[in-house]
Structure formats: C-alpha cells, structure tokens
Amino acid sequence: MRIRYFAAARAAAGTHAEDLDLGAGALSRREAGQRLALHHREPPPGQPLLTHVLARSSFLLDGVACPDPAAQIPPGATLDVLRPFSGG
C-alpha cells in the first residue's frame, strides 16, 4: 500500500510518501493508522505526533473519500492522509 501524506501529516511523518507492506492480506484503515503511528513514534523536531494528526485527518482510498475506520485497504492501494475537510 502506498501512503501519501499532505499538510500536517507530511510534517509529522517527515516524508511525503512511503510504502507499507501488507503481505497477502488487507488491513483496515484503523489498523494501517496504528502501524504508521508505531513506525513514526518520534516526529521531526517541532512537529506533532503522527498518531495525533491521524486522529483528526481525512482519508482518500484510491482517490475516494474513506471516512470509515473499518474500511479494508487492499494491497496495492493508495491511501492519502489529508487535513480534515469541513463544510457540508
């Protein structure tokens, strides 16, 4: 799975993108976030913890809004971590 970070998520992760090996299975968006938070326990100096940023972020899965933390992310997918959307 390809993870692309934008705005505060990019700052907290210290990178604009990375790959997460899912093996042969899929992860939920929540599980992917937990793995990413463990991988990025120490933010770059002056940046927030990634786990805090993920808690308030919006997500796109292969370009489609993915608000459900239980949504399954298949191998080969792209997950974008964006700042929260507002409005309605």
PDB file of N, CA and C in Angstrom:
ATOM      1  N   MET A   1       0.849  -1.156   0.000  1.00  0.00           N
ATOM      2  CA  MET A   1       0.000   0.000   0.000  1.00  0.00           C
ATOM      3  C   MET A   1       0.903   1.230   0.000  1.00  0.00           C
ATOM      4  N   ARG A   2       0.530   2.195  -0.768  1.00  0.00           N
ATOM      5  CA  ARG A   2       1.244   3.473  -0.829  1.00  0.00           C
ATOM      6  C   ARG A   2       0.517   4.458   0.069  1.00  0.00           C
ATOM      7  N   ILE A   3       1.252   5.124   0.957  1.00  0.00           N
ATOM      8  CA  ILE A   3       0.702   6.160   1.822  1.00  0.00           C
ATOM      9  C   ILE A   3       1.261   7.485   1.335  1.00  0.00           C
ATOM     10  N   ARG A   4       0.386   8.447   1.089  1.00  0.00           N
ATOM     11  CA  ARG A   4       0.826   9.790   0.721  1.00  0.00           C
ATOM     12  C   ARG A   4       0.329  10.743   1.798  1.00  0.00           C
ATOM     13  N   TYR A   5       1.251  11.557   2.285  1.00  0.00           N
ATOM     14  CA  TYR A   5       0.950  12.489   3.375  1.00  0.00           C
ATOM     15  C   TYR A   5       0.869  13.912   2.841  1.00  0.00           C
ATOM     16  N   PHE A   6      -0.075  14.677   3.370  1.00  0.00           N
ATOM     17  CA  PHE A   6      -0.252  16.066   2.994  1.00  0.00           C
ATOM     18  C   PHE A   6      -0.351  16.920   4.251  1.00  0.00           C
ATOM     19  N   ALA A   7       0.092  18.172   4.148  1.00  0.00           N
ATOM     20  CA  ALA A   7      -0.028  19.182   5.203  1.00  0.00           C
ATOM     21  C   ALA A   7       0.588  18.687   6.514  1.00  0.00           C
ATOM     22  N   ALA A   8      -0.173  18.731   7.620  1.00  0.00           N
ATOM     23  CA  ALA A   8       0.356  18.366   8.940  1.00  0.00           C
ATOM     24  C   ALA A   8       0.815  16.911   8.991  1.00  0.00           C
ATOM     25  N   ALA A   9       0.163  16.041   8.245  1.00  0.00           N
ATOM     26  CA  ALA A   9       0.570  14.632   8.229  1.00  0.00           C
ATOM     27  C   ALA A   9       1.965  14.488   7.613  1.00  0.00           C
ATOM     28  N   ARG A  10       2.245  15.256   6.580  1.00  0.00           N
ATOM     29  CA  ARG A  10       3.578  15.230   5.968  1.00  0.00           C
ATOM     30  C   ARG A  10       4.618  15.696   6.971  1.00  0.00           C
ATOM     31  N   ALA A  11       4.317  16.751   7.690  1.00  0.00           N
ATOM     32  CA  ALA A  11       5.256  17.268   8.687  1.00  0.00           C
ATOM     33  C   ALA A  11       5.483  16.252   9.811  1.00  0.00           C
ATOM     34  N   ALA A  12       4.424  15.637  10.300  1.00  0.00           N
ATOM     35  CA  ALA A  12       4.526  14.685  11.408  1.00  0.00           C
ATOM     36  C   ALA A  12       5.243  13.399  10.997  1.00  0.00           C
ATOM     37  N   ALA A  13       5.035  12.955   9.763  1.00  0.00           N
ATOM     38  CA  ALA A  13       5.684  11.737   9.284  1.00  0.00           C
ATOM     39  C   ALA A  13       7.118  12.001   8.834  1.00  0.00           C
ATOM     40  N   GLY A  14       7.395  13.241   8.478  1.00  0.00           N
ATOM     41  CA  GLY A  14       8.732  13.578   8.000  1.00  0.00           C
ATOM     42  C   GLY A  14       9.008  13.107   6.590  1.00  0.00           C
ATOM     43  N   THR A  15       7.944  12.807   5.857  1.00  0.00           N
ATOM     44  CA  THR A  15       8.083  12.353   4.474  1.00  0.00           C
ATOM     45  C   THR A  15       6.790  12.655   3.733  1.00  0.00           C
ATOM     46  N   HIS A  16       6.866  12.682   2.413  1.00  0.00           N
ATOM     47  CA  HIS A  16       5.654  12.928   1.626  1.00  0.00           C
ATOM     48  C   HIS A  16       4.955  11.635   1.237  1.00  0.00           C
ATOM     49  N   ALA A  17       5.681  10.514   1.286  1.00  0.00           N
ATOM     50  CA  ALA A  17       5.073   9.233   0.897  1.00  0.00           C
ATOM     51  C   ALA A  17       5.937   8.080   1.393  1.00  0.00           C
ATOM     52  N   GLU A  18       5.299   6.931   1.546  1.00  0.00           N
ATOM     53  CA  GLU A  18       6.015   5.706   1.898  1.00  0.00           C
ATOM     54  C   GLU A  18       5.147   4.511   1.541  1.00  0.00           C
ATOM     55  N   ASP A  19       5.760   3.357   1.507  1.00  0.00           N
ATOM     56  CA  ASP A  19       5.049   2.118   1.227  1.00  0.00           C
ATOM     57  C   ASP A  19       4.934   1.297   2.503  1.00  0.00           C
ATOM     58  N   LEU A  20       3.779   0.670   2.694  1.00  0.00           N
ATOM     59  CA  LEU A  20       3.519  -0.199   3.831  1.00  0.00           C
ATOM     60  C   LEU A  20       3.216  -1.580   3.278  1.00  0.00           C
ATOM     61  N   ASP A  21       4.032  -2.556   3.665  1.00  0.00           N
ATOM     62  CA  ASP A  21       3.860  -3.916   3.166  1.00  0.00           C
ATOM     63  C   ASP A  21       2.704  -4.589   3.893  1.00  0.00           C
ATOM     64  N   LEU A  22       1.682  -4.951   3.157  1.00  0.00           N
ATOM     65  CA  LEU A  22       0.517  -5.621   3.731  1.00  0.00           C
ATOM     66  C   LEU A  22       0.605  -7.130   3.603  1.00  0.00           C
ATOM     67  N   GLY A  23       1.648  -7.606   2.950  1.00  0.00           N
ATOM     68  CA  GLY A  23       1.732  -9.029   2.690  1.00  0.00           C
ATOM     69  C   GLY A  23       0.633  -9.419   1.712  1.00  0.00           C
ATOM     70  N   ALA A  24       0.004 -10.561   1.932  1.00  0.00           N
ATOM     71  CA  ALA A  24      -1.033 -11.044   1.022  1.00  0.00           C
ATOM     72  C   ALA A  24      -2.420 -10.571   1.406  1.00  0.00           C
ATOM     73  N   GLY A  25      -2.550  -9.966   2.569  1.00  0.00           N
ATOM     74  CA  GLY A  25      -3.880  -9.607   3.053  1.00  0.00           C
ATOM     75  C   GLY A  25      -4.182  -8.128   2.944  1.00  0.00           C
ATOM     76  N   ALA A  26      -5.220  -7.741   3.618  1.00  0.00           N
ATOM     77  CA  ALA A  26      -5.645  -6.346   3.669  1.00  0.00           C
ATOM     78  C   ALA A  26      -5.660  -5.906   5.125  1.00  0.00           C
ATOM     79  N   LEU A  27      -5.624  -4.602   5.321  1.00  0.00           N
ATOM     80  CA  LEU A  27      -5.750  -4.012   6.651  1.00  0.00           C
ATOM     81  C   LEU A  27      -6.929  -3.068   6.649  1.00  0.00           C
ATOM     82  N   SER A  28      -7.491  -2.847   7.820  1.00  0.00           N
ATOM     83  CA  SER A  28      -8.483  -1.782   7.922  1.00  0.00           C
ATOM     84  C   SER A  28      -7.732  -0.456   7.960  1.00  0.00           C
ATOM     85  N   ARG A  29      -8.439   0.614   7.680  1.00  0.00           N
ATOM     86  CA  ARG A  29      -7.808   1.932   7.757  1.00  0.00           C
ATOM     87  C   ARG A  29      -7.291   2.182   9.163  1.00  0.00           C
ATOM     88  N   ARG A  30      -8.038   1.756  10.166  1.00  0.00           N
ATOM     89  CA  ARG A  30      -7.620   1.896  11.565  1.00  0.00           C
ATOM     90  C   ARG A  30      -6.313   1.143  11.814  1.00  0.00           C
ATOM     91  N   GLU A  31      -6.220  -0.106  11.361  1.00  0.00           N
ATOM     92  CA  GLU A  31      -5.006  -0.902  11.556  1.00  0.00           C
ATOM     93  C   GLU A  31      -3.810  -0.283  10.832  1.00  0.00           C
ATOM     94  N   ALA A  32      -4.037   0.226   9.651  1.00  0.00           N
ATOM     95  CA  ALA A  32      -2.957   0.892   8.916  1.00  0.00           C
ATOM     96  C   ALA A  32      -2.461   2.102   9.700  1.00  0.00           C
ATOM     97  N   GLY A  33      -3.388   2.877  10.252  1.00  0.00           N
ATOM     98  CA  GLY A  33      -3.013   4.034  11.054  1.00  0.00           C
ATOM     99  C   GLY A  33      -2.206   3.641  12.283  1.00  0.00           C
ATOM    100  N   GLN A  34      -2.574   2.539  12.915  1.00  0.00           N
ATOM    101  CA  GLN A  34      -1.836   2.059  14.085  1.00  0.00           C
ATOM    102  C   GLN A  34      -0.415   1.668  13.706  1.00  0.00           C
ATOM    103  N   ARG A  35      -0.263   1.000  12.587  1.00  0.00           N
ATOM    104  CA  ARG A  35       1.077   0.628  12.126  1.00  0.00           C
ATOM    105  C   ARG A  35       1.913   1.859  11.806  1.00  0.00           C
ATOM    106  N   LEU A  36       1.294   2.822  11.149  1.00  0.00           N
ATOM    107  CA  LEU A  36       2.021   4.044  10.806  1.00  0.00           C
ATOM    108  C   LEU A  36       2.427   4.809  12.060  1.00  0.00           C
ATOM    109  N   ALA A  37       1.542   4.882  13.041  1.00  0.00           N
ATOM    110  CA  ALA A  37       1.864   5.577  14.290  1.00  0.00           C
ATOM    111  C   ALA A  37       3.034   4.899  15.005  1.00  0.00           C
ATOM    112  N   LEU A  38       3.079   3.576  14.989  1.00  0.00           N
ATOM    113  CA  LEU A  38       4.205   2.858  15.597  1.00  0.00           C
ATOM    114  C   LEU A  38       5.506   3.114  14.842  1.00  0.00           C
ATOM    115  N   HIS A  39       5.402   3.164  13.535  1.00  0.00           N
ATOM    116  CA  HIS A  39       6.584   3.390  12.696  1.00  0.00           C
ATOM    117  C   HIS A  39       7.132   4.805  12.865  1.00  0.00           C
ATOM    118  N   HIS A  40       6.266   5.748  13.165  1.00  0.00           N
ATOM    119  CA  HIS A  40       6.651   7.162  13.303  1.00  0.00           C
ATOM    120  C   HIS A  40       6.436   7.633  14.745  1.00  0.00           C
ATOM    121  N   ARG A  41       7.040   6.937  15.693  1.00  0.00           N
ATOM    122  CA  ARG A  41       6.880   7.286  17.109  1.00  0.00           C
ATOM    123  C   ARG A  41       7.530   8.611  17.470  1.00  0.00           C
ATOM    124  N   GLU A  42       8.616   8.937  16.793  1.00  0.00           N
ATOM    125  CA  GLU A  42       9.356  10.169  17.063  1.00  0.00           C
ATOM    126  C   GLU A  42       9.182  11.116  15.885  1.00  0.00           C
ATOM    127  N   PRO A  43       8.413  12.188  16.056  1.00  0.00           N
ATOM    128  CA  PRO A  43       8.242  13.133  14.944  1.00  0.00           C
ATOM    129  C   PRO A  43       9.499  13.970  14.751  1.00  0.00           C
ATOM    130  N   PRO A  44       9.636  14.575  13.596  1.00  0.00           N
ATOM    131  CA  PRO A  44      10.734  15.522  13.413  1.00  0.00           C
ATOM    132  C   PRO A  44      10.630  16.630  14.473  1.00  0.00           C
ATOM    133  N   PRO A  45      11.750  17.246  14.829  1.00  0.00           N
ATOM    134  CA  PRO A  45      11.712  18.295  15.856  1.00  0.00           C
ATOM    135  C   PRO A  45      10.665  19.372  15.548  1.00  0.00           C
ATOM    136  N   GLY A  46       9.886  19.707  16.573  1.00  0.00           N
ATOM    137  CA  GLY A  46       8.882  20.747  16.448  1.00  0.00           C
ATOM    138  C   GLY A  46       7.579  20.326  15.794  1.00  0.00           C
ATOM    139  N   GLN A  47       7.435  19.040  15.457  1.00  0.00           N
ATOM    140  CA  GLN A  47       6.230  18.564  14.783  1.00  0.00           C
ATOM    141  C   GLN A  47       5.387  17.720  15.734  1.00  0.00           C
ATOM    142  N   PRO A  48       4.084  17.634  15.482  1.00  0.00           N
ATOM    143  CA  PRO A  48       3.213  16.825  16.343  1.00  0.00           C
ATOM    144  C   PRO A  48       3.419  15.335  16.084  1.00  0.00           C
ATOM    145  N   LEU A  49       2.963  14.531  17.017  1.00  0.00           N
ATOM    146  CA  LEU A  49       2.988  13.078  16.822  1.00  0.00           C
ATOM    147  C   LEU A  49       2.049  12.706  15.676  1.00  0.00           C
ATOM    148  N   LEU A  50       2.474  11.767  14.861  1.00  0.00           N
ATOM    149  CA  LEU A  50       1.633  11.339  13.745  1.00  0.00           C
ATOM    150  C   LEU A  50       0.313  10.768  14.253  1.00  0.00           C
ATOM    151  N   THR A  51       0.333  10.064  15.368  1.00  0.00           N
ATOM    152  CA  THR A  51      -0.905   9.492  15.890  1.00  0.00           C
ATOM    153  C   THR A  51      -1.942  10.579  16.178  1.00  0.00           C
ATOM    154  N   HIS A  52      -1.502  11.742  16.651  1.00  0.00           N
ATOM    155  CA  HIS A  52      -2.435  12.850  16.904  1.00  0.00           C
ATOM    156  C   HIS A  52      -2.980  13.427  15.602  1.00  0.00           C
ATOM    157  N   VAL A  53      -2.116  13.520  14.606  1.00  0.00           N
ATOM    158  CA  VAL A  53      -2.540  14.048  13.307  1.00  0.00           C
ATOM    159  C   VAL A  53      -3.526  13.080  12.642  1.00  0.00           C
ATOM    160  N   LEU A  54      -3.236  11.793  12.700  1.00  0.00           N
ATOM    161  CA  LEU A  54      -4.122  10.801  12.080  1.00  0.00           C
ATOM    162  C   LEU A  54      -5.521  10.835  12.700  1.00  0.00           C
ATOM    163  N   ALA A  55      -5.606  11.127  13.986  1.00  0.00           N
ATOM    164  CA  ALA A  55      -6.901  11.151  14.674  1.00  0.00           C
ATOM    165  C   ALA A  55      -7.819  12.238  14.145  1.00  0.00           C
ATOM    166  N   ARG A  56      -7.259  13.267  13.534  1.00  0.00           N
ATOM    167  CA  ARG A  56      -8.099  14.357  13.034  1.00  0.00           C
ATOM    168  C   ARG A  56      -8.008  14.531  11.518  1.00  0.00           C
ATOM    169  N   SER A  57      -7.418  13.569  10.846  1.00  0.00           N
ATOM    170  CA  SER A  57      -7.224  13.665   9.394  1.00  0.00           C
ATOM    171  C   SER A  57      -8.413  13.112   8.621  1.00  0.00           C
ATOM    172  N   SER A  58      -8.455  13.478   7.355  1.00  0.00           N
ATOM    173  CA  SER A  58      -9.380  12.881   6.386  1.00  0.00           C
ATOM    174  C   SER A  58      -8.556  11.957   5.498  1.00  0.00           C
ATOM    175  N   PHE A  59      -9.215  10.976   4.900  1.00  0.00           N
ATOM    176  CA  PHE A  59      -8.504   9.972   4.116  1.00  0.00           C
ATOM    177  C   PHE A  59      -9.182   9.764   2.767  1.00  0.00           C
ATOM    178  N   LEU A  60      -8.362   9.523   1.765  1.00  0.00           N
ATOM    179  CA  LEU A  60      -8.835   9.090   0.454  1.00  0.00           C
ATOM    180  C   LEU A  60      -8.218   7.732   0.182  1.00  0.00           C
ATOM    181  N   LEU A  61      -9.025   6.786  -0.246  1.00  0.00           N
ATOM    182  CA  LEU A  61      -8.550   5.463  -0.629  1.00  0.00           C
ATOM    183  C   LEU A  61      -8.709   5.357  -2.135  1.00  0.00           C
ATOM    184  N   ASP A  62      -7.588   5.299  -2.823  1.00  0.00           N
ATOM    185  CA  ASP A  62      -7.577   5.293  -4.291  1.00  0.00           C
ATOM    186  C   ASP A  62      -8.427   6.428  -4.854  1.00  0.00           C
ATOM    187  N   GLY A  63      -8.305   7.620  -4.236  1.00  0.00           N
ATOM    188  CA  GLY A  63      -8.968   8.814  -4.727  1.00  0.00           C
ATOM    189  C   GLY A  63     -10.402   9.011  -4.285  1.00  0.00           C
ATOM    190  N   VAL A  64     -10.926   8.108  -3.456  1.00  0.00           N
ATOM    191  CA  VAL A  64     -12.317   8.194  -2.998  1.00  0.00           C
ATOM    192  C   VAL A  64     -12.321   8.393  -1.481  1.00  0.00           C
ATOM    193  N   ALA A  65     -13.176   9.295  -0.985  1.00  0.00           N
ATOM    194  CA  ALA A  65     -13.265   9.541   0.451  1.00  0.00           C
ATOM    195  C   ALA A  65     -13.437   8.226   1.209  1.00  0.00           C
ATOM    196  N   CYS A  66     -12.715   8.125   2.309  1.00  0.00           N
ATOM    197  CA  CYS A  66     -12.730   6.899   3.113  1.00  0.00           C
ATOM    198  C   CYS A  66     -12.905   7.272   4.585  1.00  0.00           C
ATOM    199  N   PRO A  67     -14.134   7.641   4.984  1.00  0.00           N
ATOM    200  CA  PRO A  67     -14.355   8.065   6.365  1.00  0.00           C
ATOM    201  C   PRO A  67     -14.465   6.916   7.370  1.00  0.00           C
ATOM    202  N   ASP A  68     -14.661   5.693   6.906  1.00  0.00           N
ATOM    203  CA  ASP A  68     -14.890   4.549   7.787  1.00  0.00           C
ATOM    204  C   ASP A  68     -13.572   3.924   8.233  1.00  0.00           C
ATOM    205  N   PRO A  69     -13.242   3.975   9.534  1.00  0.00           N
ATOM    206  CA  PRO A  69     -12.001   3.371  10.010  1.00  0.00           C
ATOM    207  C   PRO A  69     -11.938   1.853   9.797  1.00  0.00           C
ATOM    208  N   ALA A  70     -13.081   1.208   9.608  1.00  0.00           N
ATOM    209  CA  ALA A  70     -13.104  -0.237   9.385  1.00  0.00           C
ATOM    210  C   ALA A  70     -12.948  -0.603   7.906  1.00  0.00           C
ATOM    211  N   ALA A  71     -12.903   0.393   7.018  1.00  0.00           N
ATOM    212  CA  ALA A  71     -12.761   0.122   5.579  1.00  0.00           C
ATOM    213  C   ALA A  71     -11.487  -0.671   5.323  1.00  0.00           C
ATOM    214  N   GLN A  72     -11.606  -1.691   4.494  1.00  0.00           N
ATOM    215  CA  GLN A  72     -10.467  -2.546   4.167  1.00  0.00           C
ATOM    216  C   GLN A  72      -9.622  -1.922   3.059  1.00  0.00           C
ATOM    217  N   ILE A  73      -8.318  -1.935   3.268  1.00  0.00           N
ATOM    218  CA  ILE A  73      -7.368  -1.398   2.293  1.00  0.00           C
ATOM    219  C   ILE A  73      -6.623  -2.570   1.684  1.00  0.00           C
ATOM    220  N   PRO A  74      -6.832  -2.839   0.413  1.00  0.00           N
ATOM    221  CA  PRO A  74      -6.173  -3.983  -0.221  1.00  0.00           C
ATOM    222  C   PRO A  74      -4.730  -3.668  -0.589  1.00  0.00           C
ATOM    223  N   PRO A  75      -3.898  -4.702  -0.732  1.00  0.00           N
ATOM    224  CA  PRO A  75      -2.539  -4.480  -1.207  1.00  0.00           C
ATOM    225  C   PRO A  75      -2.578  -3.735  -2.548  1.00  0.00           C
ATOM    226  N   GLY A  76      -1.616  -2.847  -2.748  1.00  0.00           N
ATOM    227  CA  GLY A  76      -1.549  -2.096  -3.992  1.00  0.00           C
ATOM    228  C   GLY A  76      -2.367  -0.815  -3.997  1.00  0.00           C
ATOM    229  N   ALA A  77      -3.140  -0.567  -2.951  1.00  0.00           N
ATOM    230  CA  ALA A  77      -3.973   0.636  -2.875  1.00  0.00           C
ATOM    231  C   ALA A  77      -3.117   1.842  -2.483  1.00  0.00           C
ATOM    232  N   THR A  78      -3.668   3.029  -2.708  1.00  0.00           N
ATOM    233  CA  THR A  78      -3.046   4.273  -2.264  1.00  0.00           C
ATOM    234  C   THR A  78      -3.965   4.929  -1.249  1.00  0.00           C
ATOM    235  N   LEU A  79      -3.412   5.249  -0.092  1.00  0.00           N
ATOM    236  CA  LEU A  79      -4.148   5.925   0.967  1.00  0.00           C
ATOM    237  C   LEU A  79      -3.555   7.321   1.142  1.00  0.00           C
ATOM    238  N   ASP A  80      -4.347   8.333   0.926  1.00  0.00           N
ATOM    239  CA  ASP A  80      -3.918   9.718   1.121  1.00  0.00           C
ATOM    240  C   ASP A  80      -4.379  10.185   2.487  1.00  0.00           C
ATOM    241  N   VAL A  81      -3.474  10.806   3.229  1.00  0.00           N
ATOM    242  CA  VAL A  81      -3.768  11.358   4.554  1.00  0.00           C
ATOM    243  C   VAL A  81      -3.798  12.881   4.387  1.00  0.00           C
ATOM    244  N   LEU A  82      -4.983  13.453   4.554  1.00  0.00           N
ATOM    245  CA  LEU A  82      -5.199  14.862   4.287  1.00  0.00           C
ATOM    246  C   LEU A  82      -5.660  15.601   5.533  1.00  0.00           C
ATOM    247  N   ARG A  83      -5.585  16.910   5.473  1.00  0.00           N
ATOM    248  CA  ARG A  83      -6.140  17.693   6.573  1.00  0.00           C
ATOM    249  C   ARG A  83      -7.650  17.475   6.592  1.00  0.00           C
ATOM    250  N   PRO A  84      -8.277  17.710   7.724  1.00  0.00           N
ATOM    251  CA  PRO A  84      -9.734  17.475   7.805  1.00  0.00           C
ATOM    252  C   PRO A  84     -10.502  18.351   6.794  1.00  0.00           C
ATOM    253  N   PHE A  85     -11.532  17.783   6.233  1.00  0.00           N
ATOM    254  CA  PHE A  85     -12.430  18.540   5.367  1.00  0.00           C
ATOM    255  C   PHE A  85     -13.489  19.191   6.237  1.00  0.00           C
ATOM    256  N   SER A  86     -13.954  20.348   5.837  1.00  0.00           N
ATOM    257  CA  SER A  86     -15.050  20.993   6.577  1.00  0.00           C
ATOM    258  C   SER A  86     -16.162  21.336   5.608  1.00  0.00           C
ATOM    259  N   GLY A  87     -17.259  21.723   6.156  1.00  0.00           N
ATOM    260  CA  GLY A  87     -18.397  22.099   5.305  1.00  0.00           C
ATOM    261  C   GLY A  87     -19.318  20.916   5.093  1.00  0.00           C
ATOM    262  N   GLY A  88     -20.292  21.113   4.232  1.00  0.00           N
ATOM    263  CA  GLY A  88     -21.233  20.027   4.041  1.00  0.00           C
ATOM    264  C   GLY A  88     -21.964  20.087   2.773  1.00  0.00           C
TER     265      GLY A  88
END
